[in-house]
């Protein structure tokens, strides 16, 4: 029995949860600018001590600003992708796994979860799809 799209998405979700893959919703560079800006202002107004205090406060502000702006890849697949996007991801996974022989979803899941090179292949395919098709940046 061939593996259908839902079964491939289940494998993708399971792997992304195992590896704790996350995507940035807002660019992380913004947080770096906030932290760096705090250090710069602190250094300008308070010298070396101000640099330390400004850097610390800027980092705290950046962390507060960035909270909630990361999402697990599993959530993105299950909640944010349209049916067409899921179908396209499933097709990309099928193409990536075309040289691997498998009969059903159970066998495919077992193969992937016990083989590090297949895990890496599938993770790379998921990350590539999220980056190229959805404009998301994956954090491992």
N, C-alpha and C. Protein backbone atom coordinates (compact mmCIF):
# COMPACT_ATOMS: atom_id res chain seq x y z
N UNK A 1 0.85 -1.18 0.00
CA UNK A 1 0.00 0.00 0.00
C UNK A 1 0.90 1.24 0.00
N UNK A 2 0.72 2.14 -0.95
CA UNK A 2 1.58 3.33 -1.02
C UNK A 2 1.29 4.29 0.14
N UNK A 3 2.30 5.08 0.46
CA UNK A 3 2.19 6.06 1.54
C UNK A 3 1.50 7.31 1.01
N UNK A 4 0.49 7.78 1.74
CA UNK A 4 -0.21 8.98 1.27
C UNK A 4 0.36 10.23 1.94
N UNK A 5 -0.17 11.37 1.54
CA UNK A 5 0.32 12.66 2.00
C UNK A 5 0.22 12.80 3.51
N UNK A 6 -0.88 12.38 4.11
CA UNK A 6 -1.05 12.52 5.56
C UNK A 6 -0.01 11.72 6.32
N UNK A 7 0.33 10.54 5.83
CA UNK A 7 1.33 9.72 6.49
C UNK A 7 2.71 10.34 6.39
N UNK A 8 3.02 10.94 5.24
CA UNK A 8 4.30 11.64 5.10
C UNK A 8 4.37 12.86 6.02
N UNK A 9 3.28 13.58 6.17
CA UNK A 9 3.26 14.72 7.07
C UNK A 9 3.43 14.27 8.51
N UNK A 10 2.85 13.10 8.86
CA UNK A 10 3.02 12.56 10.21
C UNK A 10 4.49 12.25 10.49
N UNK A 11 5.18 11.68 9.51
CA UNK A 11 6.60 11.39 9.65
C UNK A 11 7.39 12.69 9.80
N UNK A 12 7.06 13.69 8.98
CA UNK A 12 7.75 14.98 9.04
C UNK A 12 7.54 15.65 10.40
N UNK A 13 6.33 15.59 10.92
CA UNK A 13 6.02 16.18 12.22
C UNK A 13 6.78 15.44 13.32
N UNK A 14 6.77 14.12 13.26
CA UNK A 14 7.45 13.31 14.27
C UNK A 14 8.95 13.62 14.30
N UNK A 15 9.56 13.71 13.13
CA UNK A 15 10.99 14.01 13.06
C UNK A 15 11.29 15.42 13.56
N UNK A 16 10.47 16.39 13.16
CA UNK A 16 10.72 17.76 13.59
C UNK A 16 10.52 17.92 15.10
N UNK A 17 9.61 17.16 15.69
CA UNK A 17 9.45 17.20 17.14
C UNK A 17 10.64 16.55 17.83
N UNK A 18 11.11 15.43 17.28
CA UNK A 18 12.27 14.75 17.86
C UNK A 18 13.50 15.65 17.86
N UNK A 19 13.69 16.37 16.77
CA UNK A 19 14.86 17.25 16.64
C UNK A 19 14.61 18.66 17.17
N UNK A 20 13.39 18.92 17.66
CA UNK A 20 13.01 20.23 18.20
C UNK A 20 13.30 21.36 17.21
N UNK A 21 12.91 21.15 15.96
CA UNK A 21 13.11 22.18 14.93
C UNK A 21 12.12 23.31 15.16
N UNK A 22 12.61 24.54 15.04
CA UNK A 22 11.77 25.72 15.19
C UNK A 22 12.04 26.68 14.05
N UNK A 23 11.06 27.52 13.77
CA UNK A 23 11.24 28.55 12.76
C UNK A 23 11.11 29.91 13.43
N UNK A 24 11.81 30.88 12.88
CA UNK A 24 11.67 32.24 13.38
C UNK A 24 10.52 32.89 12.64
N UNK A 25 9.66 33.51 13.38
CA UNK A 25 8.54 34.21 12.76
C UNK A 25 8.99 35.62 12.38
N UNK A 26 9.74 36.24 13.23
CA UNK A 26 10.34 37.54 12.96
C UNK A 26 11.85 37.31 12.98
N UNK A 27 12.59 38.03 12.18
CA UNK A 27 14.03 37.80 12.08
C UNK A 27 14.74 38.00 13.41
N UNK A 28 15.68 37.10 13.66
CA UNK A 28 16.47 37.18 14.89
C UNK A 28 17.44 38.36 14.87
N UNK A 29 17.76 38.87 13.69
CA UNK A 29 18.65 40.02 13.58
C UNK A 29 18.12 41.24 14.31
N UNK A 30 16.81 41.34 14.39
CA UNK A 30 16.20 42.47 15.10
C UNK A 30 16.60 42.44 16.58
N UNK A 31 16.61 41.24 17.16
CA UNK A 31 17.01 41.11 18.56
C UNK A 31 18.46 41.48 18.76
N UNK A 32 19.31 41.08 17.80
CA UNK A 32 20.73 41.43 17.90
C UNK A 32 20.92 42.94 17.84
N UNK A 33 20.15 43.60 17.00
CA UNK A 33 20.25 45.06 16.90
C UNK A 33 19.81 45.73 18.19
N UNK A 34 18.77 45.22 18.82
CA UNK A 34 18.30 45.79 20.08
C UNK A 34 19.37 45.63 21.16
N UNK A 35 19.93 44.42 21.27
CA UNK A 35 20.96 44.17 22.28
C UNK A 35 22.20 45.02 22.02
N UNK A 36 22.63 45.09 20.77
CA UNK A 36 23.79 45.89 20.41
C UNK A 36 23.55 47.37 20.61
N UNK A 37 22.34 47.82 20.30
CA UNK A 37 21.99 49.22 20.49
C UNK A 37 22.01 49.62 21.96
N UNK A 38 21.53 48.71 22.80
CA UNK A 38 21.58 48.97 24.24
C UNK A 38 23.01 49.10 24.74
N UNK A 39 23.89 48.21 24.24
CA UNK A 39 25.30 48.27 24.64
C UNK A 39 25.94 49.56 24.14
N UNK A 40 25.62 49.95 22.92
CA UNK A 40 26.19 51.18 22.36
C UNK A 40 25.75 52.40 23.16
N UNK A 41 24.46 52.52 23.42
CA UNK A 41 23.97 53.68 24.18
C UNK A 41 24.53 53.68 25.59
N UNK A 42 24.58 52.50 26.22
CA UNK A 42 25.15 52.43 27.56
C UNK A 42 26.60 52.84 27.58
N UNK A 43 27.36 52.40 26.57
CA UNK A 43 28.77 52.76 26.48
C UNK A 43 28.98 54.23 26.23
N UNK A 44 28.13 54.84 25.40
CA UNK A 44 28.26 56.27 25.12
C UNK A 44 27.97 57.12 26.34
N UNK A 45 26.98 56.73 27.12
CA UNK A 45 26.57 57.55 28.25
C UNK A 45 27.22 57.15 29.58
N UNK A 46 27.69 55.90 29.69
CA UNK A 46 28.21 55.48 30.99
C UNK A 46 29.59 54.86 30.97
N UNK A 47 30.26 54.90 29.83
CA UNK A 47 31.59 54.31 29.76
C UNK A 47 31.54 52.80 29.88
N UNK A 48 32.60 52.20 30.40
CA UNK A 48 32.66 50.73 30.49
C UNK A 48 31.53 50.12 31.33
N UNK A 49 31.19 50.75 32.44
CA UNK A 49 30.10 50.24 33.27
C UNK A 49 28.77 50.38 32.53
N UNK A 50 28.59 51.50 31.86
CA UNK A 50 27.37 51.71 31.08
C UNK A 50 27.27 50.73 29.92
N UNK A 51 28.40 50.36 29.36
CA UNK A 51 28.42 49.36 28.29
C UNK A 51 27.86 48.04 28.80
N UNK A 52 28.31 47.63 29.98
CA UNK A 52 27.83 46.37 30.56
C UNK A 52 26.34 46.45 30.90
N UNK A 53 25.95 47.56 31.51
CA UNK A 53 24.54 47.71 31.89
C UNK A 53 23.66 47.83 30.65
N UNK A 54 24.08 48.63 29.69
CA UNK A 54 23.30 48.79 28.45
C UNK A 54 23.20 47.49 27.68
N UNK A 55 24.28 46.72 27.62
CA UNK A 55 24.25 45.42 26.94
C UNK A 55 23.30 44.45 27.61
N UNK A 56 23.33 44.44 28.94
CA UNK A 56 22.44 43.56 29.70
C UNK A 56 20.98 43.96 29.50
N UNK A 57 20.70 45.25 29.66
CA UNK A 57 19.31 45.72 29.48
C UNK A 57 18.84 45.52 28.04
N UNK A 58 19.74 45.77 27.08
CA UNK A 58 19.38 45.56 25.68
C UNK A 58 19.09 44.09 25.39
N UNK A 59 19.86 43.20 26.00
CA UNK A 59 19.63 41.77 25.81
C UNK A 59 18.30 41.33 26.42
N UNK A 60 18.00 41.87 27.60
CA UNK A 60 16.71 41.55 28.24
C UNK A 60 15.56 42.05 27.39
N UNK A 61 15.68 43.27 26.87
CA UNK A 61 14.64 43.83 26.01
C UNK A 61 14.49 43.00 24.73
N UNK A 62 15.61 42.58 24.17
CA UNK A 62 15.56 41.76 22.94
C UNK A 62 14.89 40.42 23.21
N UNK A 63 15.19 39.81 24.35
CA UNK A 63 14.56 38.54 24.71
C UNK A 63 13.06 38.72 24.92
N UNK A 64 12.67 39.78 25.60
CA UNK A 64 11.25 40.05 25.82
C UNK A 64 10.54 40.30 24.49
N UNK A 65 11.18 41.08 23.62
CA UNK A 65 10.60 41.39 22.31
C UNK A 65 10.48 40.14 21.44
N UNK A 66 11.41 39.20 21.59
CA UNK A 66 11.41 38.01 20.75
C UNK A 66 10.56 36.87 21.26
N UNK A 67 10.03 37.00 22.48
CA UNK A 67 9.24 35.90 23.02
C UNK A 67 7.97 35.71 22.19
N UNK A 68 7.68 34.46 21.91
CA UNK A 68 6.51 34.13 21.12
C UNK A 68 6.70 34.27 19.63
N UNK A 69 7.90 34.58 19.20
CA UNK A 69 8.13 34.77 17.77
C UNK A 69 8.86 33.58 17.17
N UNK A 70 8.91 32.49 17.91
CA UNK A 70 9.44 31.24 17.42
C UNK A 70 8.32 30.22 17.49
N UNK A 71 8.30 29.33 16.54
CA UNK A 71 7.24 28.34 16.47
C UNK A 71 7.86 27.02 16.06
N UNK A 72 7.35 25.93 16.58
CA UNK A 72 7.91 24.64 16.19
C UNK A 72 7.51 24.32 14.75
N UNK A 73 8.39 23.59 14.08
CA UNK A 73 8.11 23.18 12.70
C UNK A 73 6.86 22.31 12.66
N UNK A 74 6.68 21.49 13.70
CA UNK A 74 5.48 20.64 13.77
C UNK A 74 4.22 21.51 13.75
N UNK A 75 4.21 22.60 14.51
CA UNK A 75 3.06 23.51 14.52
C UNK A 75 2.84 24.13 13.14
N UNK A 76 3.92 24.52 12.50
CA UNK A 76 3.81 25.12 11.17
C UNK A 76 3.17 24.13 10.20
N UNK A 77 3.65 22.88 10.22
CA UNK A 77 3.11 21.87 9.31
C UNK A 77 1.64 21.60 9.61
N UNK A 78 1.31 21.43 10.90
CA UNK A 78 -0.06 21.06 11.27
C UNK A 78 -1.06 22.21 11.21
N UNK A 79 -0.61 23.43 11.52
CA UNK A 79 -1.55 24.54 11.67
C UNK A 79 -1.45 25.63 10.61
N UNK A 80 -0.24 25.90 10.13
CA UNK A 80 -0.06 27.07 9.27
C UNK A 80 -0.03 26.76 7.78
N UNK A 81 0.32 25.54 7.42
CA UNK A 81 0.40 25.19 6.00
C UNK A 81 -0.99 24.98 5.40
N UNK A 82 -1.13 25.44 4.19
CA UNK A 82 -2.36 25.17 3.46
C UNK A 82 -2.31 23.73 2.95
N UNK A 83 -3.44 23.17 2.56
CA UNK A 83 -3.42 21.82 1.99
C UNK A 83 -2.49 21.70 0.78
N UNK A 84 -2.42 22.73 -0.02
CA UNK A 84 -1.53 22.72 -1.19
C UNK A 84 -0.07 22.69 -0.75
N UNK A 85 0.27 23.46 0.26
CA UNK A 85 1.64 23.47 0.77
C UNK A 85 2.01 22.11 1.35
N UNK A 86 1.07 21.48 2.06
CA UNK A 86 1.34 20.14 2.60
C UNK A 86 1.55 19.14 1.48
N UNK A 87 0.74 19.25 0.45
CA UNK A 87 0.88 18.36 -0.71
C UNK A 87 2.24 18.57 -1.38
N UNK A 88 2.65 19.82 -1.54
CA UNK A 88 3.95 20.11 -2.15
C UNK A 88 5.10 19.59 -1.30
N UNK A 89 4.99 19.74 0.03
CA UNK A 89 6.03 19.21 0.91
C UNK A 89 6.08 17.69 0.83
N UNK A 90 4.92 17.05 0.81
CA UNK A 90 4.87 15.59 0.68
C UNK A 90 5.52 15.14 -0.62
N UNK A 91 5.27 15.85 -1.69
CA UNK A 91 5.89 15.51 -2.98
C UNK A 91 7.40 15.70 -2.93
N UNK A 92 7.86 16.76 -2.27
CA UNK A 92 9.29 16.98 -2.14
C UNK A 92 9.94 15.86 -1.32
N UNK A 93 9.26 15.41 -0.29
CA UNK A 93 9.77 14.31 0.53
C UNK A 93 9.81 13.02 -0.28
N UNK A 94 8.76 12.76 -1.07
CA UNK A 94 8.74 11.56 -1.91
C UNK A 94 9.91 11.57 -2.89
N UNK A 95 10.17 12.71 -3.49
CA UNK A 95 11.29 12.82 -4.43
C UNK A 95 12.61 12.58 -3.71
N UNK A 96 12.76 13.16 -2.52
CA UNK A 96 14.00 12.99 -1.76
C UNK A 96 14.22 11.53 -1.36
N UNK A 97 13.13 10.80 -1.15
CA UNK A 97 13.21 9.41 -0.71
C UNK A 97 13.01 8.41 -1.85
N UNK A 98 13.11 8.87 -3.08
CA UNK A 98 12.81 7.98 -4.20
C UNK A 98 13.75 6.78 -4.31
N UNK A 99 14.97 6.90 -3.80
CA UNK A 99 15.92 5.79 -3.87
C UNK A 99 15.80 4.83 -2.69
N UNK A 100 14.91 5.15 -1.75
CA UNK A 100 14.70 4.30 -0.57
C UNK A 100 13.47 3.44 -0.84
N UNK A 101 13.61 2.14 -0.60
CA UNK A 101 12.45 1.26 -0.84
C UNK A 101 11.67 1.08 0.46
N UNK A 102 10.37 1.35 0.38
CA UNK A 102 9.48 1.20 1.51
C UNK A 102 8.10 0.84 1.01
N UNK A 103 7.38 0.11 1.81
CA UNK A 103 6.06 -0.40 1.41
C UNK A 103 4.91 0.41 2.01
N UNK A 104 5.04 0.79 3.27
CA UNK A 104 3.94 1.49 3.94
C UNK A 104 4.50 2.51 4.94
N UNK A 105 3.59 3.24 5.57
CA UNK A 105 4.00 4.32 6.47
C UNK A 105 4.76 3.80 7.68
N UNK A 106 4.37 2.64 8.20
CA UNK A 106 5.05 2.09 9.37
C UNK A 106 6.49 1.76 9.02
N UNK A 107 6.69 1.12 7.88
CA UNK A 107 8.05 0.78 7.47
C UNK A 107 8.86 2.04 7.19
N UNK A 108 8.26 3.04 6.56
CA UNK A 108 8.95 4.30 6.27
C UNK A 108 9.36 5.00 7.57
N UNK A 109 8.43 5.08 8.52
CA UNK A 109 8.73 5.71 9.80
C UNK A 109 9.87 4.99 10.51
N UNK A 110 9.82 3.69 10.52
CA UNK A 110 10.88 2.90 11.16
C UNK A 110 12.22 3.13 10.47
N UNK A 111 12.22 3.13 9.14
CA UNK A 111 13.46 3.37 8.40
C UNK A 111 14.05 4.73 8.74
N UNK A 112 13.22 5.75 8.74
CA UNK A 112 13.71 7.11 8.98
C UNK A 112 14.18 7.28 10.42
N UNK A 113 13.41 6.79 11.37
CA UNK A 113 13.75 7.00 12.78
C UNK A 113 14.95 6.18 13.24
N UNK A 114 15.33 5.17 12.48
CA UNK A 114 16.49 4.35 12.87
C UNK A 114 17.72 4.61 12.01
N UNK A 115 17.60 5.48 11.03
CA UNK A 115 18.71 5.72 10.11
C UNK A 115 19.05 7.21 10.13
N UNK A 116 20.22 7.54 10.68
CA UNK A 116 20.60 8.95 10.82
C UNK A 116 20.74 9.67 9.48
N UNK A 117 21.22 8.96 8.45
CA UNK A 117 21.37 9.63 7.15
C UNK A 117 20.01 9.93 6.54
N UNK A 118 19.02 9.06 6.75
CA UNK A 118 17.66 9.37 6.26
C UNK A 118 17.03 10.50 7.06
N UNK A 119 17.31 10.53 8.36
CA UNK A 119 16.81 11.65 9.18
C UNK A 119 17.36 12.96 8.66
N UNK A 120 18.65 12.98 8.40
CA UNK A 120 19.29 14.19 7.90
C UNK A 120 18.73 14.58 6.54
N UNK A 121 18.54 13.60 5.67
CA UNK A 121 17.96 13.86 4.34
C UNK A 121 16.58 14.48 4.46
N UNK A 122 15.75 13.90 5.31
CA UNK A 122 14.39 14.40 5.47
C UNK A 122 14.38 15.77 6.14
N UNK A 123 15.22 15.96 7.18
CA UNK A 123 15.31 17.27 7.83
C UNK A 123 15.74 18.35 6.85
N UNK A 124 16.73 18.04 6.02
CA UNK A 124 17.19 19.01 5.03
C UNK A 124 16.09 19.35 4.04
N UNK A 125 15.32 18.36 3.64
CA UNK A 125 14.22 18.60 2.70
C UNK A 125 13.14 19.48 3.32
N UNK A 126 12.81 19.21 4.58
CA UNK A 126 11.81 20.03 5.27
C UNK A 126 12.31 21.46 5.41
N UNK A 127 13.56 21.63 5.85
CA UNK A 127 14.14 22.97 6.02
C UNK A 127 14.20 23.72 4.70
N UNK A 128 14.60 23.02 3.64
CA UNK A 128 14.69 23.64 2.32
C UNK A 128 13.31 24.11 1.85
N UNK A 129 12.30 23.27 2.06
CA UNK A 129 10.95 23.65 1.66
C UNK A 129 10.47 24.87 2.44
N UNK A 130 10.65 24.85 3.76
CA UNK A 130 10.19 25.98 4.58
C UNK A 130 10.89 27.28 4.20
N UNK A 131 12.17 27.17 3.88
CA UNK A 131 12.93 28.37 3.51
C UNK A 131 12.52 28.87 2.12
N UNK A 132 12.54 27.98 1.13
CA UNK A 132 12.32 28.40 -0.25
C UNK A 132 10.86 28.69 -0.57
N UNK A 133 9.94 27.93 -0.01
CA UNK A 133 8.54 28.08 -0.39
C UNK A 133 7.73 28.96 0.56
N UNK A 134 8.18 29.03 1.84
CA UNK A 134 7.40 29.77 2.81
C UNK A 134 8.16 30.96 3.40
N UNK A 135 9.45 31.08 3.05
CA UNK A 135 10.25 32.20 3.54
C UNK A 135 10.55 32.15 5.02
N UNK A 136 10.58 30.96 5.61
CA UNK A 136 10.85 30.81 7.03
C UNK A 136 12.28 30.35 7.27
N UNK A 137 12.83 30.73 8.38
CA UNK A 137 14.19 30.33 8.75
C UNK A 137 14.09 29.30 9.85
N UNK A 138 14.70 28.13 9.63
CA UNK A 138 14.62 27.03 10.59
C UNK A 138 15.81 27.09 11.53
N UNK A 139 15.54 26.89 12.82
CA UNK A 139 16.57 26.85 13.85
C UNK A 139 16.62 25.42 14.38
N UNK A 140 17.82 24.84 14.38
CA UNK A 140 17.96 23.45 14.88
C UNK A 140 18.50 23.44 16.27
